[in-house]
């Protein structure tokens, strides 16, 4: 596992976020190539853990994502990335993958509804 911080100085990021862990975690779902998020090194699966040094881990994913979206530029965001060799319980991993897929679908539905 690694944790890293990036400075976000422009929008749009070219990143789609999703809600995971039953609405407790903001996770990077998609990073568009050659956009700001890609250039900053964000990868799908990275977890948002702090904004300007303030932890968002105790906030709901909706609150954390809203806080992320309303920050004045520039601001710093910290992420956590799990490596392939990080040790997980396989049952928990299967369940969280199902939860994550469900949350991705919900984020897509919310995005479509917001555009209507």
N, C-alpha and C. Protein backbone atom coordinates (compact mmCIF):
# COMPACT_ATOMS: atom_id res chain seq x y z
N UNK A 1 0.85 -1.17 0.00
CA UNK A 1 0.00 0.00 0.00
C UNK A 1 0.90 1.24 0.00
N UNK A 2 0.50 2.21 -0.82
CA UNK A 2 1.19 3.49 -0.81
C UNK A 2 0.17 4.61 -0.66
N UNK A 3 0.62 5.69 -0.07
CA UNK A 3 -0.19 6.89 0.01
C UNK A 3 0.58 8.00 -0.66
N UNK A 4 -0.13 8.83 -1.41
CA UNK A 4 0.53 9.91 -2.13
C UNK A 4 -0.38 11.12 -2.19
N UNK A 5 0.22 12.29 -2.43
CA UNK A 5 -0.51 13.54 -2.49
C UNK A 5 -0.25 14.21 -3.83
N UNK A 6 -1.29 14.78 -4.41
CA UNK A 6 -1.15 15.52 -5.66
C UNK A 6 -1.72 16.92 -5.46
N UNK A 7 -1.24 17.86 -6.25
CA UNK A 7 -1.81 19.20 -6.24
C UNK A 7 -2.68 19.35 -7.48
N UNK A 8 -3.92 19.66 -7.25
CA UNK A 8 -4.87 19.82 -8.34
C UNK A 8 -5.01 21.31 -8.63
N UNK A 9 -4.57 21.69 -9.83
CA UNK A 9 -4.55 23.10 -10.18
C UNK A 9 -5.47 23.48 -11.31
N UNK A 10 -6.15 22.48 -11.89
CA UNK A 10 -7.08 22.79 -12.97
C UNK A 10 -8.17 21.72 -13.06
N UNK A 11 -9.26 22.13 -13.67
CA UNK A 11 -10.39 21.24 -13.92
C UNK A 11 -10.78 21.37 -15.37
N UNK A 12 -11.41 20.39 -15.97
CA UNK A 12 -11.81 19.11 -15.41
C UNK A 12 -10.63 18.16 -15.28
N UNK A 13 -10.74 17.23 -14.36
CA UNK A 13 -9.66 16.27 -14.11
C UNK A 13 -9.63 15.15 -15.13
N UNK A 14 -10.77 14.85 -15.73
CA UNK A 14 -10.83 13.67 -16.60
C UNK A 14 -10.84 12.40 -15.77
N UNK A 15 -11.48 12.48 -14.59
CA UNK A 15 -11.55 11.35 -13.66
C UNK A 15 -13.01 11.16 -13.26
N UNK A 16 -13.44 9.91 -13.22
CA UNK A 16 -14.77 9.59 -12.70
C UNK A 16 -14.56 8.85 -11.38
N UNK A 17 -15.27 9.31 -10.36
CA UNK A 17 -15.20 8.69 -9.05
C UNK A 17 -16.41 7.80 -8.84
N UNK A 18 -16.27 6.86 -7.92
CA UNK A 18 -17.37 5.98 -7.54
C UNK A 18 -17.43 5.90 -6.02
N UNK A 19 -18.58 5.49 -5.53
CA UNK A 19 -18.79 5.29 -4.09
C UNK A 19 -18.62 3.80 -3.81
N UNK A 20 -17.80 3.47 -2.84
CA UNK A 20 -17.54 2.08 -2.50
C UNK A 20 -17.79 1.86 -1.01
N UNK A 21 -17.70 0.61 -0.60
CA UNK A 21 -17.86 0.24 0.80
C UNK A 21 -19.15 0.79 1.39
N UNK A 22 -20.23 0.58 0.64
CA UNK A 22 -21.57 1.01 1.09
C UNK A 22 -21.62 2.51 1.40
N UNK A 23 -20.97 3.30 0.54
CA UNK A 23 -21.02 4.75 0.69
C UNK A 23 -20.04 5.33 1.68
N UNK A 24 -19.02 4.56 2.05
CA UNK A 24 -18.04 5.05 3.02
C UNK A 24 -16.73 5.50 2.37
N UNK A 25 -16.51 5.19 1.09
CA UNK A 25 -15.22 5.43 0.45
C UNK A 25 -15.41 6.01 -0.94
N UNK A 26 -14.57 6.99 -1.29
CA UNK A 26 -14.53 7.52 -2.65
C UNK A 26 -13.35 6.86 -3.35
N UNK A 27 -13.63 6.23 -4.48
CA UNK A 27 -12.58 5.52 -5.21
C UNK A 27 -12.56 6.01 -6.65
N UNK A 28 -11.35 6.11 -7.21
CA UNK A 28 -11.21 6.47 -8.62
C UNK A 28 -11.72 5.29 -9.45
N UNK A 29 -12.66 5.58 -10.33
CA UNK A 29 -13.26 4.55 -11.17
C UNK A 29 -12.65 4.55 -12.57
N UNK A 30 -12.42 5.75 -13.13
CA UNK A 30 -11.96 5.88 -14.50
C UNK A 30 -11.05 7.08 -14.61
N UNK A 31 -9.96 6.94 -15.34
CA UNK A 31 -9.04 8.04 -15.60
C UNK A 31 -8.84 8.14 -17.10
N UNK A 32 -9.20 9.29 -17.67
CA UNK A 32 -9.05 9.48 -19.11
C UNK A 32 -7.60 9.80 -19.45
N UNK A 33 -7.09 9.11 -20.44
CA UNK A 33 -5.70 9.27 -20.86
C UNK A 33 -5.44 10.70 -21.33
N UNK A 34 -4.27 11.19 -20.97
CA UNK A 34 -3.78 12.53 -21.35
C UNK A 34 -4.58 13.68 -20.75
N UNK A 35 -5.41 13.43 -19.76
CA UNK A 35 -6.11 14.48 -19.04
C UNK A 35 -5.38 14.74 -17.73
N UNK A 36 -5.82 15.73 -16.98
CA UNK A 36 -5.13 16.16 -15.75
C UNK A 36 -4.92 15.00 -14.78
N UNK A 37 -5.97 14.24 -14.50
CA UNK A 37 -5.85 13.13 -13.55
C UNK A 37 -4.82 12.11 -13.97
N UNK A 38 -4.76 11.82 -15.25
CA UNK A 38 -3.77 10.88 -15.80
C UNK A 38 -2.37 11.43 -15.61
N UNK A 39 -2.19 12.70 -15.91
CA UNK A 39 -0.87 13.34 -15.77
C UNK A 39 -0.43 13.39 -14.31
N UNK A 40 -1.38 13.45 -13.38
CA UNK A 40 -1.06 13.45 -11.95
C UNK A 40 -0.74 12.05 -11.43
N UNK A 41 -1.03 11.03 -12.23
CA UNK A 41 -0.72 9.66 -11.84
C UNK A 41 -1.84 8.92 -11.16
N UNK A 42 -3.06 9.46 -11.20
CA UNK A 42 -4.20 8.75 -10.60
C UNK A 42 -4.49 7.49 -11.40
N UNK A 43 -4.88 6.45 -10.68
CA UNK A 43 -5.22 5.17 -11.31
C UNK A 43 -6.55 4.66 -10.77
N UNK A 44 -7.31 3.92 -11.60
CA UNK A 44 -8.53 3.30 -11.08
C UNK A 44 -8.22 2.45 -9.85
N UNK A 45 -9.06 2.58 -8.84
CA UNK A 45 -8.86 1.85 -7.60
C UNK A 45 -8.23 2.69 -6.50
N UNK A 46 -7.63 3.85 -6.86
CA UNK A 46 -7.05 4.73 -5.84
C UNK A 46 -8.18 5.29 -4.97
N UNK A 47 -7.93 5.38 -3.68
CA UNK A 47 -8.93 5.81 -2.70
C UNK A 47 -8.59 7.20 -2.20
N UNK A 48 -9.58 8.12 -2.26
CA UNK A 48 -9.40 9.47 -1.73
C UNK A 48 -9.38 9.39 -0.21
N UNK A 49 -8.29 9.89 0.40
CA UNK A 49 -8.19 9.81 1.86
C UNK A 49 -8.12 11.17 2.55
N UNK A 50 -7.72 12.23 1.82
CA UNK A 50 -7.63 13.55 2.45
C UNK A 50 -7.70 14.65 1.41
N UNK A 51 -8.19 15.80 1.85
CA UNK A 51 -8.21 17.01 1.03
C UNK A 51 -7.56 18.11 1.84
N UNK A 52 -6.52 18.71 1.26
CA UNK A 52 -5.75 19.75 1.95
C UNK A 52 -5.31 19.30 3.35
N UNK A 53 -4.91 18.05 3.46
CA UNK A 53 -4.39 17.52 4.71
C UNK A 53 -5.45 17.08 5.71
N UNK A 54 -6.73 17.30 5.42
CA UNK A 54 -7.81 16.92 6.31
C UNK A 54 -8.38 15.58 5.85
N UNK A 55 -8.39 14.60 6.73
CA UNK A 55 -8.89 13.28 6.39
C UNK A 55 -10.37 13.33 5.99
N UNK A 56 -10.73 12.55 4.98
CA UNK A 56 -12.14 12.40 4.59
C UNK A 56 -12.63 10.99 4.90
N UNK A 57 -11.81 10.21 5.59
CA UNK A 57 -12.15 8.82 5.87
C UNK A 57 -13.33 8.67 6.83
N UNK A 58 -13.60 9.69 7.64
CA UNK A 58 -14.72 9.63 8.57
C UNK A 58 -15.99 10.22 7.97
N UNK A 59 -15.90 10.74 6.76
CA UNK A 59 -17.05 11.32 6.08
C UNK A 59 -17.70 10.26 5.19
N UNK A 60 -18.96 10.46 4.85
CA UNK A 60 -19.58 9.58 3.87
C UNK A 60 -18.93 9.88 2.52
N UNK A 61 -19.02 8.94 1.59
CA UNK A 61 -18.42 9.17 0.29
C UNK A 61 -19.09 10.35 -0.41
N UNK A 62 -20.37 10.56 -0.21
CA UNK A 62 -21.06 11.70 -0.81
C UNK A 62 -20.53 13.01 -0.28
N UNK A 63 -20.32 13.09 1.05
CA UNK A 63 -19.78 14.31 1.66
C UNK A 63 -18.35 14.56 1.18
N UNK A 64 -17.55 13.50 1.13
CA UNK A 64 -16.15 13.65 0.72
C UNK A 64 -16.06 14.09 -0.75
N UNK A 65 -16.88 13.50 -1.59
CA UNK A 65 -16.86 13.85 -3.00
C UNK A 65 -17.34 15.27 -3.23
N UNK A 66 -18.35 15.68 -2.50
CA UNK A 66 -18.83 17.07 -2.61
C UNK A 66 -17.75 18.04 -2.16
N UNK A 67 -17.07 17.73 -1.06
CA UNK A 67 -15.98 18.57 -0.58
C UNK A 67 -14.88 18.68 -1.62
N UNK A 68 -14.56 17.56 -2.26
CA UNK A 68 -13.55 17.52 -3.31
C UNK A 68 -13.96 18.43 -4.47
N UNK A 69 -15.20 18.36 -4.85
CA UNK A 69 -15.69 19.10 -6.03
C UNK A 69 -15.76 20.61 -5.81
N UNK A 70 -15.93 21.07 -4.57
CA UNK A 70 -16.10 22.50 -4.34
C UNK A 70 -14.82 23.20 -3.90
N UNK A 71 -13.72 22.49 -3.83
CA UNK A 71 -12.46 23.10 -3.41
C UNK A 71 -12.02 24.16 -4.42
N UNK A 72 -11.53 25.28 -3.90
CA UNK A 72 -10.95 26.30 -4.76
C UNK A 72 -9.60 25.81 -5.23
N UNK A 73 -9.28 26.12 -6.47
CA UNK A 73 -7.99 25.72 -7.05
C UNK A 73 -6.91 26.70 -6.64
N UNK A 74 -5.69 26.24 -6.45
CA UNK A 74 -5.28 24.85 -6.38
C UNK A 74 -5.54 24.27 -4.99
N UNK A 75 -5.62 22.96 -4.93
CA UNK A 75 -5.74 22.27 -3.64
C UNK A 75 -5.01 20.94 -3.72
N UNK A 76 -4.77 20.36 -2.54
CA UNK A 76 -4.06 19.09 -2.47
C UNK A 76 -5.03 17.98 -2.11
N UNK A 77 -4.84 16.84 -2.75
CA UNK A 77 -5.66 15.66 -2.46
C UNK A 77 -4.72 14.48 -2.23
N UNK A 78 -5.02 13.70 -1.22
CA UNK A 78 -4.22 12.53 -0.90
C UNK A 78 -5.01 11.27 -1.22
N UNK A 79 -4.29 10.29 -1.75
CA UNK A 79 -4.90 9.03 -2.17
C UNK A 79 -4.12 7.86 -1.59
N UNK A 80 -4.79 6.73 -1.51
CA UNK A 80 -4.18 5.47 -1.07
C UNK A 80 -4.32 4.48 -2.22
N UNK A 81 -3.22 3.80 -2.51
CA UNK A 81 -3.22 2.79 -3.57
C UNK A 81 -2.75 1.47 -2.99
N UNK A 82 -3.52 0.43 -3.26
CA UNK A 82 -3.13 -0.90 -2.83
C UNK A 82 -2.40 -1.59 -3.97
N UNK A 83 -1.33 -2.27 -3.64
CA UNK A 83 -0.52 -2.98 -4.62
C UNK A 83 -1.05 -4.40 -4.79
N UNK A 84 -0.66 -5.03 -5.88
CA UNK A 84 -1.10 -6.41 -6.15
C UNK A 84 -0.70 -7.38 -5.06
N UNK A 85 0.43 -7.13 -4.41
CA UNK A 85 0.92 -8.06 -3.40
C UNK A 85 0.43 -7.74 -1.98
N UNK A 86 -0.44 -6.72 -1.84
CA UNK A 86 -1.01 -6.44 -0.53
C UNK A 86 -1.90 -7.62 -0.13
N UNK A 87 -1.86 -7.98 1.16
CA UNK A 87 -2.56 -9.16 1.65
C UNK A 87 -3.99 -8.82 2.03
N UNK A 88 -4.94 -9.50 1.39
CA UNK A 88 -6.36 -9.34 1.69
C UNK A 88 -6.97 -10.69 1.93
N UNK A 89 -8.03 -10.71 2.73
CA UNK A 89 -8.82 -11.92 2.89
C UNK A 89 -9.65 -12.08 1.62
N UNK A 90 -9.57 -13.22 0.95
CA UNK A 90 -10.21 -13.39 -0.36
C UNK A 90 -11.73 -13.24 -0.30
N UNK A 91 -12.39 -13.67 0.79
CA UNK A 91 -13.84 -13.52 0.88
C UNK A 91 -14.22 -12.05 0.93
N UNK A 92 -13.49 -11.25 1.72
CA UNK A 92 -13.77 -9.83 1.80
C UNK A 92 -13.53 -9.17 0.46
N UNK A 93 -12.48 -9.59 -0.25
CA UNK A 93 -12.17 -8.99 -1.55
C UNK A 93 -13.29 -9.27 -2.54
N UNK A 94 -13.83 -10.49 -2.56
CA UNK A 94 -14.93 -10.80 -3.47
C UNK A 94 -16.14 -9.96 -3.14
N UNK A 95 -16.47 -9.82 -1.86
CA UNK A 95 -17.62 -9.02 -1.46
C UNK A 95 -17.43 -7.56 -1.80
N UNK A 96 -16.24 -7.02 -1.56
CA UNK A 96 -16.02 -5.60 -1.83
C UNK A 96 -16.02 -5.35 -3.33
N UNK A 97 -15.58 -6.32 -4.13
CA UNK A 97 -15.63 -6.14 -5.59
C UNK A 97 -17.08 -6.07 -6.06
N UNK A 98 -17.94 -6.89 -5.49
CA UNK A 98 -19.36 -6.84 -5.83
C UNK A 98 -19.95 -5.51 -5.40
N UNK A 99 -19.62 -5.05 -4.18
CA UNK A 99 -20.09 -3.75 -3.71
C UNK A 99 -19.61 -2.64 -4.62
N UNK A 100 -18.35 -2.71 -5.04
CA UNK A 100 -17.76 -1.68 -5.89
C UNK A 100 -18.47 -1.63 -7.24
N UNK A 101 -18.74 -2.79 -7.83
CA UNK A 101 -19.45 -2.82 -9.11
C UNK A 101 -20.84 -2.22 -8.96
N UNK A 102 -21.51 -2.53 -7.88
CA UNK A 102 -22.83 -1.99 -7.62
C UNK A 102 -22.76 -0.47 -7.48
N UNK A 103 -21.77 0.01 -6.77
CA UNK A 103 -21.62 1.45 -6.59
C UNK A 103 -21.27 2.15 -7.90
N UNK A 104 -20.45 1.50 -8.77
CA UNK A 104 -20.14 2.08 -10.07
C UNK A 104 -21.42 2.27 -10.87
N UNK A 105 -22.29 1.25 -10.85
CA UNK A 105 -23.54 1.35 -11.59
C UNK A 105 -24.41 2.47 -11.02
N UNK A 106 -24.45 2.59 -9.70
CA UNK A 106 -25.25 3.64 -9.07
C UNK A 106 -24.70 5.02 -9.42
N UNK A 107 -23.38 5.16 -9.44
CA UNK A 107 -22.77 6.44 -9.81
C UNK A 107 -23.14 6.80 -11.25
N UNK A 108 -23.14 5.81 -12.16
CA UNK A 108 -23.53 6.06 -13.54
C UNK A 108 -24.98 6.52 -13.62
N UNK A 109 -25.87 5.85 -12.88
CA UNK A 109 -27.28 6.23 -12.86
C UNK A 109 -27.44 7.64 -12.31
N UNK A 110 -26.75 7.94 -11.21
CA UNK A 110 -26.84 9.28 -10.62
C UNK A 110 -26.35 10.33 -11.60
N UNK A 111 -25.27 10.05 -12.31
CA UNK A 111 -24.73 10.98 -13.29
C UNK A 111 -25.73 11.24 -14.40
N UNK A 112 -26.36 10.20 -14.90
CA UNK A 112 -27.35 10.34 -15.97
C UNK A 112 -28.54 11.14 -15.47
N UNK A 113 -29.03 10.82 -14.27
CA UNK A 113 -30.18 11.53 -13.72
C UNK A 113 -29.87 13.00 -13.50
N UNK A 114 -28.65 13.30 -13.08
CA UNK A 114 -28.24 14.68 -12.83
C UNK A 114 -28.23 15.49 -14.12
N UNK A 115 -27.92 14.83 -15.22
CA UNK A 115 -27.85 15.51 -16.52
C UNK A 115 -29.23 15.79 -17.10
N UNK A 116 -30.26 15.09 -16.60
CA UNK A 116 -31.61 15.29 -17.15
C UNK A 116 -32.25 16.58 -16.69
